[in-house]
C-alpha atoms as a PDB file:
ATOM      1  CA  UNK A   1      81.076   9.209 -72.669  1.00  0.00           C
ATOM      2  CA  UNK A   2      79.068   7.189 -70.207  1.00  0.00           C
ATOM      3  CA  UNK A   3      80.383   6.844 -66.772  1.00  0.00           C
ATOM      4  CA  UNK A   4      81.418   3.326 -65.971  1.00  0.00           C
ATOM      5  CA  UNK A   5      80.505   3.664 -62.389  1.00  0.00           C
ATOM      6  CA  UNK A   6      76.833   3.983 -63.291  1.00  0.00           C
ATOM      7  CA  UNK A   7      76.859   0.485 -64.798  1.00  0.00           C
ATOM      8  CA  UNK A   8      79.171  -1.045 -62.318  1.00  0.00           C
ATOM      9  CA  UNK A   9      77.499  -3.697 -60.182  1.00  0.00           C
ATOM     10  CA  UNK A  10      77.495  -3.267 -56.429  1.00  0.00           C
ATOM     11  CA  UNK A  11      79.673  -5.850 -54.684  1.00  0.00           C
ATOM     12  CA  UNK A  12      79.053  -7.317 -51.300  1.00  0.00           C
ATOM     13  CA  UNK A  13      81.444  -5.946 -48.699  1.00  0.00           C
ATOM     14  CA  UNK A  14      84.052  -8.392 -47.548  1.00  0.00           C
ATOM     15  CA  UNK A  15      83.266  -7.972 -43.892  1.00  0.00           C
ATOM     16  CA  UNK A  16      79.496  -8.624 -44.309  1.00  0.00           C
ATOM     17  CA  UNK A  17      78.070 -11.671 -42.562  1.00  0.00           C
ATOM     18  CA  UNK A  18      75.787 -14.057 -44.300  1.00  0.00           C
ATOM     19  CA  UNK A  19      73.062 -15.714 -42.251  1.00  0.00           C
ATOM     20  CA  UNK A  20      73.520 -19.438 -42.203  1.00  0.00           C
ATOM     21  CA  UNK A  21      70.881 -21.428 -44.018  1.00  0.00           C
ATOM     22  CA  UNK A  22      68.688 -23.545 -41.800  1.00  0.00           C
ATOM     23  CA  UNK A  23      69.627 -27.165 -41.629  1.00  0.00           C
ATOM     24  CA  UNK A  24      67.449 -29.522 -43.579  1.00  0.00           C
ATOM     25  CA  UNK A  25      65.085 -31.724 -41.613  1.00  0.00           C
ATOM     26  CA  UNK A  26      64.908 -29.383 -38.614  1.00  0.00           C
ATOM     27  CA  UNK A  27      61.735 -27.428 -37.849  1.00  0.00           C
ATOM     28  CA  UNK A  28      61.762 -23.731 -37.163  1.00  0.00           C
ATOM     29  CA  UNK A  29      61.842 -22.884 -33.454  1.00  0.00           C
ATOM     30  CA  UNK A  30      58.473 -22.032 -32.089  1.00  0.00           C
ATOM     31  CA  UNK A  31      57.979 -18.518 -30.784  1.00  0.00           C
ATOM     32  CA  UNK A  32      56.660 -17.815 -27.302  1.00  0.00           C
ATOM     33  CA  UNK A  33      52.853 -17.699 -27.329  1.00  0.00           C
ATOM     34  CA  UNK A  34      51.760 -14.479 -25.695  1.00  0.00           C
ATOM     35  CA  UNK A  35      48.301 -13.961 -24.154  1.00  0.00           C
ATOM     36  CA  UNK A  36      45.945 -11.959 -26.338  1.00  0.00           C
ATOM     37  CA  UNK A  37      45.270  -8.425 -25.173  1.00  0.00           C
ATOM     38  CA  UNK A  38      41.498  -9.093 -25.063  1.00  0.00           C
ATOM     39  CA  UNK A  39      42.107 -11.748 -22.416  1.00  0.00           C
ATOM     40  CA  UNK A  40      43.540  -9.111 -20.152  1.00  0.00           C
ATOM     41  CA  UNK A  41      40.131  -7.476 -19.853  1.00  0.00           C
ATOM     42  CA  UNK A  42      37.689  -9.012 -17.381  1.00  0.00           C
ATOM     43  CA  UNK A  43      34.488  -8.693 -19.382  1.00  0.00           C
ATOM     44  CA  UNK A  44      36.215  -9.834 -22.589  1.00  0.00           C
ATOM     45  CA  UNK A  45      37.525 -12.947 -20.830  1.00  0.00           C
ATOM     46  CA  UNK A  46      34.057 -13.497 -19.426  1.00  0.00           C
ATOM     47  CA  UNK A  47      32.512 -13.150 -22.868  1.00  0.00           C
ATOM     48  CA  UNK A  48      35.026 -15.499 -24.518  1.00  0.00           C
ATOM     49  CA  UNK A  49      35.462 -18.110 -21.817  1.00  0.00           C
ATOM     50  CA  UNK A  50      32.247 -17.934 -19.793  1.00  0.00           C
ATOM     51  CA  UNK A  51      29.300 -17.040 -22.031  1.00  0.00           C
ATOM     52  CA  UNK A  52      27.148 -19.420 -20.060  1.00  0.00           C
ATOM     53  CA  UNK A  53      27.477 -17.140 -17.039  1.00  0.00           C
ATOM     54  CA  UNK A  54      25.555 -14.391 -18.822  1.00  0.00           C
ATOM     55  CA  UNK A  55      22.772 -16.819 -19.602  1.00  0.00           C
ATOM     56  CA  UNK A  56      22.677 -17.976 -15.999  1.00  0.00           C
ATOM     57  CA  UNK A  57      22.556 -14.432 -14.614  1.00  0.00           C
ATOM     58  CA  UNK A  58      19.793 -13.450 -17.037  1.00  0.00           C
ATOM     59  CA  UNK A  59      17.771 -16.468 -15.977  1.00  0.00           C
ATOM     60  CA  UNK A  60      18.211 -15.685 -12.284  1.00  0.00           C
ATOM     61  CA  UNK A  61      17.236 -12.040 -12.877  1.00  0.00           C
ATOM     62  CA  UNK A  62      14.063 -12.945 -14.774  1.00  0.00           C
ATOM     63  CA  UNK A  63      13.125 -15.640 -12.273  1.00  0.00           C
ATOM     64  CA  UNK A  64      13.491 -13.129  -9.454  1.00  0.00           C
ATOM     65  CA  UNK A  65      11.015 -10.790 -11.134  1.00  0.00           C
ATOM     66  CA  UNK A  66       8.486 -13.578 -11.532  1.00  0.00           C
ATOM     67  CA  UNK A  67       9.001 -15.023  -8.078  1.00  0.00           C
ATOM     68  CA  UNK A  68       8.708 -11.741  -6.204  1.00  0.00           C
ATOM     69  CA  UNK A  69       6.022 -10.332  -8.503  1.00  0.00           C
ATOM     70  CA  UNK A  70       7.900  -7.126  -9.320  1.00  0.00           C
ATOM     71  CA  UNK A  71       5.619  -4.636 -11.079  1.00  0.00           C
ATOM     72  CA  UNK A  72       2.550  -6.888 -10.994  1.00  0.00           C
ATOM     73  CA  UNK A  73       0.925  -5.475  -7.879  1.00  0.00           C
ATOM     74  CA  UNK A  74       1.072  -8.824  -6.111  1.00  0.00           C
ATOM     75  CA  UNK A  75       3.568 -10.856  -4.180  1.00  0.00           C
ATOM     76  CA  UNK A  76       4.204 -13.231  -7.068  1.00  0.00           C
ATOM     77  CA  UNK A  77       4.766 -16.962  -6.620  1.00  0.00           C
ATOM     78  CA  UNK A  78       5.262 -16.485  -2.886  1.00  0.00           C
ATOM     79  CA  UNK A  79       1.640 -15.301  -2.712  1.00  0.00           C
ATOM     80  CA  UNK A  80       0.499 -18.342  -4.647  1.00  0.00           C
ATOM     81  CA  UNK A  81       2.423 -20.646  -2.309  1.00  0.00           C
ATOM     82  CA  UNK A  82       1.044 -18.889   0.725  1.00  0.00           C
ATOM     83  CA  UNK A  83      -2.517 -19.200  -0.565  1.00  0.00           C
ATOM     84  CA  UNK A  84      -1.860 -22.836  -1.444  1.00  0.00           C
ATOM     85  CA  UNK A  85      -0.884 -23.747   2.119  1.00  0.00           C
ATOM     86  CA  UNK A  86      -3.784 -21.719   3.492  1.00  0.00           C
ATOM     87  CA  UNK A  87      -6.224 -23.466   1.181  1.00  0.00           C
ATOM     88  CA  UNK A  88      -7.448 -20.291  -0.552  1.00  0.00           C
ATOM     89  CA  UNK A  89      -7.088 -18.888  -4.034  1.00  0.00           C
ATOM     90  CA  UNK A  90      -5.599 -15.536  -5.005  1.00  0.00           C
ATOM     91  CA  UNK A  91      -9.060 -14.084  -5.559  1.00  0.00           C
ATOM     92  CA  UNK A  92     -10.273 -15.067  -2.085  1.00  0.00           C
ATOM     93  CA  UNK A  93     -13.367 -17.001  -1.115  1.00  0.00           C
ATOM     94  CA  UNK A  94     -16.243 -17.190  -3.563  1.00  0.00           C
ATOM     95  CA  UNK A  95     -19.522 -15.390  -3.001  1.00  0.00           C
ATOM     96  CA  UNK A  96     -21.397 -18.688  -2.691  1.00  0.00           C
ATOM     97  CA  UNK A  97     -19.123 -19.954   0.087  1.00  0.00           C
ATOM     98  CA  UNK A  98     -19.395 -16.640   1.939  1.00  0.00           C
ATOM     99  CA  UNK A  99     -23.170 -16.769   1.519  1.00  0.00           C
ATOM    100  CA  UNK A 100     -23.300 -20.231   3.113  1.00  0.00           C
ATOM    101  CA  UNK A 101     -21.134 -19.130   6.037  1.00  0.00           C
ATOM    102  CA  UNK A 102     -23.222 -16.028   6.665  1.00  0.00           C
ATOM    103  CA  UNK A 103     -26.476 -17.965   6.563  1.00  0.00           C
ATOM    104  CA  UNK A 104     -25.029 -20.624   8.870  1.00  0.00           C
ATOM    105  CA  UNK A 105     -23.967 -17.927  11.375  1.00  0.00           C
ATOM    106  CA  UNK A 106     -26.483 -15.096  10.879  1.00  0.00           C
ATOM    107  CA  UNK A 107     -25.414 -13.195  14.001  1.00  0.00           C
ATOM    108  CA  UNK A 108     -21.774 -12.838  12.961  1.00  0.00           C
ATOM    109  CA  UNK A 109     -21.632  -9.376  11.450  1.00  0.00           C
ATOM    110  CA  UNK A 110     -18.218  -9.819   9.857  1.00  0.00           C
ATOM    111  CA  UNK A 111     -19.468 -12.623   7.639  1.00  0.00           C
ATOM    112  CA  UNK A 112     -22.207 -10.404   6.226  1.00  0.00           C
ATOM    113  CA  UNK A 113     -19.723  -7.603   5.700  1.00  0.00           C
ATOM    114  CA  UNK A 114     -17.296  -9.896   3.859  1.00  0.00           C
ATOM    115  CA  UNK A 115     -20.144 -11.152   1.710  1.00  0.00           C
ATOM    116  CA  UNK A 116     -21.241  -7.602   0.874  1.00  0.00           C
ATOM    117  CA  UNK A 117     -17.708  -6.619  -0.128  1.00  0.00           C
ATOM    118  CA  UNK A 118     -17.378  -9.665  -2.381  1.00  0.00           C
ATOM    119  CA  UNK A 119     -20.747  -9.124  -4.032  1.00  0.00           C
ATOM    120  CA  UNK A 120     -19.985  -5.465  -4.655  1.00  0.00           C
ATOM    121  CA  UNK A 121     -16.651  -6.370  -6.228  1.00  0.00           C
ATOM    122  CA  UNK A 122     -18.548  -8.797  -8.480  1.00  0.00           C
ATOM    123  CA  UNK A 123     -20.900  -5.931  -9.410  1.00  0.00           C
ATOM    124  CA  UNK A 124     -23.886  -7.743  -7.878  1.00  0.00           C
ATOM    125  CA  UNK A 125     -25.131  -4.569  -6.241  1.00  0.00           C
ATOM    126  CA  UNK A 126     -28.654  -5.674  -5.334  1.00  0.00           C
ATOM    127  CA  UNK A 127     -27.293  -8.724  -3.511  1.00  0.00           C
ATOM    128  CA  UNK A 128     -24.636  -6.553  -1.896  1.00  0.00           C
ATOM    129  CA  UNK A 129     -27.389  -4.258  -0.589  1.00  0.00           C
ATOM    130  CA  UNK A 130     -29.118  -7.189   1.080  1.00  0.00           C
ATOM    131  CA  UNK A 131     -25.914  -8.377   2.758  1.00  0.00           C
ATOM    132  CA  UNK A 132     -24.907  -4.867   3.830  1.00  0.00           C
ATOM    133  CA  UNK A 133     -28.349  -4.231   5.309  1.00  0.00           C
ATOM    134  CA  UNK A 134     -27.925  -7.379   7.395  1.00  0.00           C
ATOM    135  CA  UNK A 135     -24.550  -6.128   8.555  1.00  0.00           C
ATOM    136  CA  UNK A 136     -25.759  -2.618   9.449  1.00  0.00           C
ATOM    137  CA  UNK A 137     -28.661  -4.153  11.354  1.00  0.00           C
ATOM    138  CA  UNK A 138     -26.076  -5.931  13.524  1.00  0.00           C
ATOM    139  CA  UNK A 139     -23.693  -2.942  13.585  1.00  0.00           C
ATOM    140  CA  UNK A 140     -25.989   0.120  13.351  1.00  0.00           C
ATOM    141  CA  UNK A 141     -23.264   2.560  14.428  1.00  0.00           C
ATOM    142  CA  UNK A 142     -20.788   1.656  11.698  1.00  0.00           C
ATOM    143  CA  UNK A 143     -20.704   4.952   9.808  1.00  0.00           C
ATOM    144  CA  UNK A 144     -18.443   3.734   7.009  1.00  0.00           C
ATOM    145  CA  UNK A 145     -20.779   0.860   6.177  1.00  0.00           C
ATOM    146  CA  UNK A 146     -23.802   3.155   6.227  1.00  0.00           C
ATOM    147  CA  UNK A 147     -22.065   5.522   3.823  1.00  0.00           C
ATOM    148  CA  UNK A 148     -21.196   2.588   1.572  1.00  0.00           C
ATOM    149  CA  UNK A 149     -24.801   1.389   1.660  1.00  0.00           C
ATOM    150  CA  UNK A 150     -26.079   4.842   0.705  1.00  0.00           C
ATOM    151  CA  UNK A 151     -23.513   4.978  -2.095  1.00  0.00           C
ATOM    152  CA  UNK A 152     -24.721   1.663  -3.525  1.00  0.00           C
ATOM    153  CA  UNK A 153     -28.330   2.885  -3.407  1.00  0.00           C
ATOM    154  CA  UNK A 154     -27.365   5.961  -5.423  1.00  0.00           C
ATOM    155  CA  UNK A 155     -25.383   3.884  -7.909  1.00  0.00           C
ATOM    156  CA  UNK A 156     -28.393   1.687  -8.530  1.00  0.00           C
ATOM    157  CA  UNK A 157     -30.652   4.721  -8.883  1.00  0.00           C
ATOM    158  CA  UNK A 158     -28.296   6.188 -11.481  1.00  0.00           C
ATOM    159  CA  UNK A 159     -28.236   2.900 -13.402  1.00  0.00           C
ATOM    160  CA  UNK A 160     -32.044   2.738 -13.437  1.00  0.00           C
ATOM    161  CA  UNK A 161     -32.217   6.338 -14.636  1.00  0.00           C
ATOM    162  CA  UNK A 162     -30.198   5.302 -17.657  1.00  0.00           C
ATOM    163  CA  UNK A 163     -32.563   2.368 -18.233  1.00  0.00           C
ATOM    164  CA  UNK A 164     -35.507   4.752 -18.062  1.00  0.00           C
ATOM    165  CA  UNK A 165     -33.972   7.170 -20.581  1.00  0.00           C
ATOM    166  CA  UNK A 166     -33.045   4.331 -22.941  1.00  0.00           C
ATOM    167  CA  UNK A 167     -36.584   2.949 -22.802  1.00  0.00           C
ATOM    168  CA  UNK A 168     -38.063   6.327 -23.631  1.00  0.00           C
ATOM    169  CA  UNK A 169     -35.638   6.760 -26.524  1.00  0.00           C
ATOM    170  CA  UNK A 170     -36.394   3.305 -27.943  1.00  0.00           C
ATOM    171  CA  UNK A 171     -40.098   4.022 -27.771  1.00  0.00           C
ATOM    172  CA  UNK A 172     -39.693   7.179 -29.819  1.00  0.00           C
ATOM    173  CA  UNK A 173     -37.441   5.526 -32.406  1.00  0.00           C
ATOM    174  CA  UNK A 174     -39.411   2.304 -32.864  1.00  0.00           C
ATOM    175  CA  UNK A 175     -42.884   3.791 -32.934  1.00  0.00           C
ATOM    176  CA  UNK A 176     -42.735   7.263 -34.481  1.00  0.00           C
ATOM    177  CA  UNK A 177     -45.868   9.121 -35.292  1.00  0.00           C
ATOM    178  CA  UNK A 178     -47.330   8.597 -38.788  1.00  0.00           C
ATOM    179  CA  UNK A 179     -46.120  11.089 -41.376  1.00  0.00           C
ATOM    180  CA  UNK A 180     -48.842  13.338 -42.710  1.00  0.00           C
ATOM    181  CA  UNK A 181     -51.430  12.218 -40.172  1.00  0.00           C
ATOM    182  CA  UNK A 182     -54.155  14.839 -39.699  1.00  0.00           C
ATOM    183  CA  UNK A 183     -54.692  16.488 -36.298  1.00  0.00           C
ATOM    184  CA  UNK A 184     -56.180  14.180 -33.698  1.00  0.00           C
ATOM    185  CA  UNK A 185     -59.062  16.626 -33.077  1.00  0.00           C
ATOM    186  CA  UNK A 186     -60.198  16.499 -36.706  1.00  0.00           C
ATOM    187  CA  UNK A 187     -62.716  13.892 -37.881  1.00  0.00           C
ATOM    188  CA  UNK A 188     -60.104  12.204 -40.061  1.00  0.00           C
ATOM    189  CA  UNK A 189     -57.609  12.238 -37.194  1.00  0.00           C
ATOM    190  CA  UNK A 190     -60.139  10.588 -34.904  1.00  0.00           C
ATOM    191  CA  UNK A 191     -60.687   7.907 -37.511  1.00  0.00           C
ATOM    192  CA  UNK A 192     -56.960   7.208 -37.719  1.00  0.00           C
ATOM    193  CA  UNK A 193     -56.630   7.041 -33.960  1.00  0.00           C
ATOM    194  CA  UNK A 194     -59.403   4.502 -33.726  1.00  0.00           C
ATOM    195  CA  UNK A 195     -57.445   2.097 -35.929  1.00  0.00           C
ATOM    196  CA  UNK A 196     -55.200  -0.111 -33.822  1.00  0.00           C
ATOM    197  CA  UNK A 197     -51.637  -0.931 -34.963  1.00  0.00           C
ATOM    198  CA  UNK A 198     -50.671  -4.247 -33.334  1.00  0.00           C
ATOM    199  CA  UNK A 199     -46.907  -3.765 -33.834  1.00  0.00           C
ATOM    200  CA  UNK A 200     -46.933  -0.279 -32.428  1.00  0.00           C
ATOM    201  CA  UNK A 201     -49.138  -1.387 -29.546  1.00  0.00           C
ATOM    202  CA  UNK A 202     -46.732  -4.205 -28.641  1.00  0.00           C
ATOM    203  CA  UNK A 203     -43.707  -1.911 -28.762  1.00  0.00           C
ATOM    204  CA  UNK A 204     -45.456   0.746 -26.695  1.00  0.00           C
ATOM    205  CA  UNK A 205     -46.520  -1.817 -24.129  1.00  0.00           C
ATOM    206  CA  UNK A 206     -43.019  -3.339 -23.760  1.00  0.00           C
ATOM    207  CA  UNK A 207     -41.214  -0.023 -23.626  1.00  0.00           C
ATOM    208  CA  UNK A 208     -43.813   1.399 -21.277  1.00  0.00           C
ATOM    209  CA  UNK A 209     -43.357  -1.517 -18.893  1.00  0.00           C
ATOM    210  CA  UNK A 210     -39.578  -1.122 -18.886  1.00  0.00           C
ATOM    211  CA  UNK A 211     -39.810   2.603 -18.266  1.00  0.00           C
ATOM    212  CA  UNK A 212     -42.361   2.152 -15.511  1.00  0.00           C
ATOM    213  CA  UNK A 213     -40.285  -0.503 -13.728  1.00  0.00           C
ATOM    214  CA  UNK A 214     -37.153   1.628 -13.961  1.00  0.00           C
ATOM    215  CA  UNK A 215     -38.996   4.672 -12.614  1.00  0.00           C
ATOM    216  CA  UNK A 216     -40.309   2.740  -9.630  1.00  0.00           C
ATOM    217  CA  UNK A 217     -36.820   1.453  -8.862  1.00  0.00           C
ATOM    218  CA  UNK A 218     -35.398   4.961  -9.058  1.00  0.00           C
ATOM    219  CA  UNK A 219     -37.877   6.177  -6.464  1.00  0.00           C
ATOM    220  CA  UNK A 220     -37.197   3.186  -4.214  1.00  0.00           C
ATOM    221  CA  UNK A 221     -33.389   3.432  -4.333  1.00  0.00           C
ATOM    222  CA  UNK A 222     -33.379   7.181  -3.783  1.00  0.00           C
ATOM    223  CA  UNK A 223     -35.759   6.854  -0.825  1.00  0.00           C
ATOM    224  CA  UNK A 224     -33.519   4.176   0.699  1.00  0.00           C
ATOM    225  CA  UNK A 225     -30.492   6.455   0.226  1.00  0.00           C
ATOM    226  CA  UNK A 226     -32.319   9.273   2.034  1.00  0.00           C
ATOM    227  CA  UNK A 227     -33.209   6.953   4.899  1.00  0.00           C
ATOM    228  CA  UNK A 228     -29.597   5.790   5.201  1.00  0.00           C
ATOM    229  CA  UNK A 229     -28.277   9.360   5.321  1.00  0.00           C
ATOM    230  CA  UNK A 230     -30.822  10.178   7.997  1.00  0.00           C
ATOM    231  CA  UNK A 231     -29.320   7.380  10.098  1.00  0.00           C
ATOM    232  CA  UNK A 232     -25.880   8.877   9.553  1.00  0.00           C
ATOM    233  CA  UNK A 233     -27.167  12.313  10.518  1.00  0.00           C
ATOM    234  CA  UNK A 234     -28.474  10.917  13.802  1.00  0.00           C
ATOM    235  CA  UNK A 235     -25.118   9.325  14.542  1.00  0.00           C
ATOM    236  CA  UNK A 236     -23.224  12.546  13.743  1.00  0.00           C
ATOM    237  CA  UNK A 237     -25.649  15.432  14.306  1.00  0.00           C
ATOM    238  CA  UNK A 238     -22.835  18.017  14.240  1.00  0.00           C
ATOM    239  CA  UNK A 239     -21.281  16.819  10.989  1.00  0.00           C
ATOM    240  CA  UNK A 240     -22.001  19.528   8.427  1.00  0.00           C
ATOM    241  CA  UNK A 241     -20.889  17.372   5.492  1.00  0.00           C
ATOM    242  CA  UNK A 242     -23.439  14.678   6.338  1.00  0.00           C
ATOM    243  CA  UNK A 243     -26.192  17.295   6.579  1.00  0.00           C
ATOM    244  CA  UNK A 244     -25.285  18.740   3.211  1.00  0.00           C
ATOM    245  CA  UNK A 245     -25.210  15.315   1.618  1.00  0.00           C
ATOM    246  CA  UNK A 246     -28.586  14.482   3.165  1.00  0.00           C
ATOM    247  CA  UNK A 247     -30.009  17.710   1.758  1.00  0.00           C
ATOM    248  CA  UNK A 248     -28.699  17.020  -1.736  1.00  0.00           C
ATOM    249  CA  UNK A 249     -29.876  13.406  -1.814  1.00  0.00           C
ATOM    250  CA  UNK A 250     -33.287  14.376  -0.436  1.00  0.00           C
ATOM    251  CA  UNK A 251     -33.660  17.098  -3.042  1.00  0.00           C
ATOM    252  CA  UNK A 252     -32.779  14.642  -5.807  1.00  0.00           C
ATOM    253  CA  UNK A 253     -35.308  12.162  -4.470  1.00  0.00           C
ATOM    254  CA  UNK A 254     -38.045  14.783  -4.336  1.00  0.00           C
ATOM    255  CA  UNK A 255     -38.210  14.763  -0.528  1.00  0.00           C
ATOM    256  CA  UNK A 256     -38.523  18.523  -0.216  1.00  0.00           C
ATOM    257  CA  UNK A 257     -39.247  18.603   3.517  1.00  0.00           C
ATOM    258  CA  UNK A 258     -36.149  16.582   4.403  1.00  0.00           C
ATOM    259  CA  UNK A 259     -34.020  18.639   2.013  1.00  0.00           C
ATOM    260  CA  UNK A 260     -35.139  21.947   3.551  1.00  0.00           C
ATOM    261  CA  UNK A 261     -34.457  20.732   7.094  1.00  0.00           C
ATOM    262  CA  UNK A 262     -31.013  19.411   6.145  1.00  0.00           C
ATOM    263  CA  UNK A 263     -30.030  22.605   4.301  1.00  0.00           C
ATOM    264  CA  UNK A 264     -30.991  24.681   7.324  1.00  0.00           C
ATOM    265  CA  UNK A 265     -29.010  22.433   9.631  1.00  0.00           C
ATOM    266  CA  UNK A 266     -25.975  22.631   7.342  1.00  0.00           C
ATOM    267  CA  UNK A 267     -26.078  26.429   7.280  1.00  0.00           C
ATOM    268  CA  UNK A 268     -26.269  26.478  11.081  1.00  0.00           C
ATOM    269  CA  UNK A 269     -23.243  24.210  11.436  1.00  0.00           C
ATOM    270  CA  UNK A 270     -21.096  25.742   8.700  1.00  0.00           C
ATOM    271  CA  UNK A 271     -22.278  29.241   7.752  1.00  0.00           C
ATOM    272  CA  UNK A 272     -18.842  30.159   6.391  1.00  0.00           C
ATOM    273  CA  UNK A 273     -18.406  27.001   4.310  1.00  0.00           C
ATOM    274  CA  UNK A 274     -17.552  27.603   0.625  1.00  0.00           C
ATOM    275  CA  UNK A 275     -20.702  25.686  -0.316  1.00  0.00           C
ATOM    276  CA  UNK A 276     -22.922  27.806   1.941  1.00  0.00           C
ATOM    277  CA  UNK A 277     -23.960  30.233  -0.852  1.00  0.00           C
ATOM    278  CA  UNK A 278     -25.053  27.337  -3.048  1.00  0.00           C
ATOM    279  CA  UNK A 279     -26.957  25.794  -0.141  1.00  0.00           C
ATOM    280  CA  UNK A 280     -28.758  29.102   0.473  1.00  0.00           C
ATOM    281  CA  UNK A 281     -29.883  29.281  -3.155  1.00  0.00           C
ATOM    282  CA  UNK A 282     -31.176  25.714  -3.044  1.00  0.00           C
ATOM    283  CA  UNK A 283     -32.971  26.401   0.223  1.00  0.00           C
ATOM    284  CA  UNK A 284     -34.709  29.498  -1.167  1.00  0.00           C
ATOM    285  CA  UNK A 285     -35.750  27.637  -4.297  1.00  0.00           C
ATOM    286  CA  UNK A 286     -37.255  24.747  -2.330  1.00  0.00           C
ATOM    287  CA  UNK A 287     -39.076  27.068   0.076  1.00  0.00           C
ATOM    288  CA  UNK A 288     -40.514  28.956  -2.907  1.00  0.00           C
ATOM    289  CA  UNK A 289     -41.751  25.675  -4.406  1.00  0.00           C
ATOM    290  CA  UNK A 290     -43.452  24.730  -1.149  1.00  0.00           C
ATOM    291  CA  UNK A 291     -45.041  28.159  -0.874  1.00  0.00           C
ATOM    292  CA  UNK A 292     -46.292  27.991  -4.458  1.00  0.00           C
ATOM    293  CA  UNK A 293     -47.806  24.542  -3.942  1.00  0.00           C
ATOM    294  CA  UNK A 294     -49.868  25.778  -0.986  1.00  0.00           C
ATOM    295  CA  UNK A 295     -51.391  28.728  -2.826  1.00  0.00           C
END
């Protein structure tokens, strides 16, 4: 038999309270609006309520980099403003304006020096040589300028050596010898050699002129470098480094007598120098060449 209690409905206790129904026409009371937890954090409040501040700070930061020239190697806009009020550009005076000033005041050594520096920076080395020679004539004891002058001479000599090599190479590529031509000493070879090739003759003439001009410039620049180092050696007769450099430059220029004298002087001043063994070998080689040429 089924238990009646299993189907008996649960009754509400007599002492239970029933919540009163809300009166019609009245709105529910509003709850207290609490501040969101994100607003309690400084950066969250700043992000929500003051996004424009981030933009402003980023702008100020970037403007500071530009204004002060951070990482650019210059002083930025402040340098531009300074040059503006001074009446100069960021690159300094032009070579033409410096040239006019130097020619207007030929006895002011500084003007020639400034002109030489500007021309060298513009890679106008031949013009820089002229200006630096004018300066060293007015300041003959300026060792730094003499060393710079000798350095420019050697740079020009090196450049002309490359021109000479290129000219020789072009001549060989553009006018190669005829394939299968008989020996020049044979009758047929003599006949071929008597026939003139106008194209080959023009190429040979042009290339030969370029090579000859470059060779003459090499000799001239190297001789000028030797002369400049001799001036330095007179100013500093006890400087072993100058003597060694004079010996090396003289040897490269084919001035054997000057090279031998400079090597000997270097070995007297610095016999224990690490480069002394190399200098001794060069000295012996040059003395042997001189001895062989007199036999």
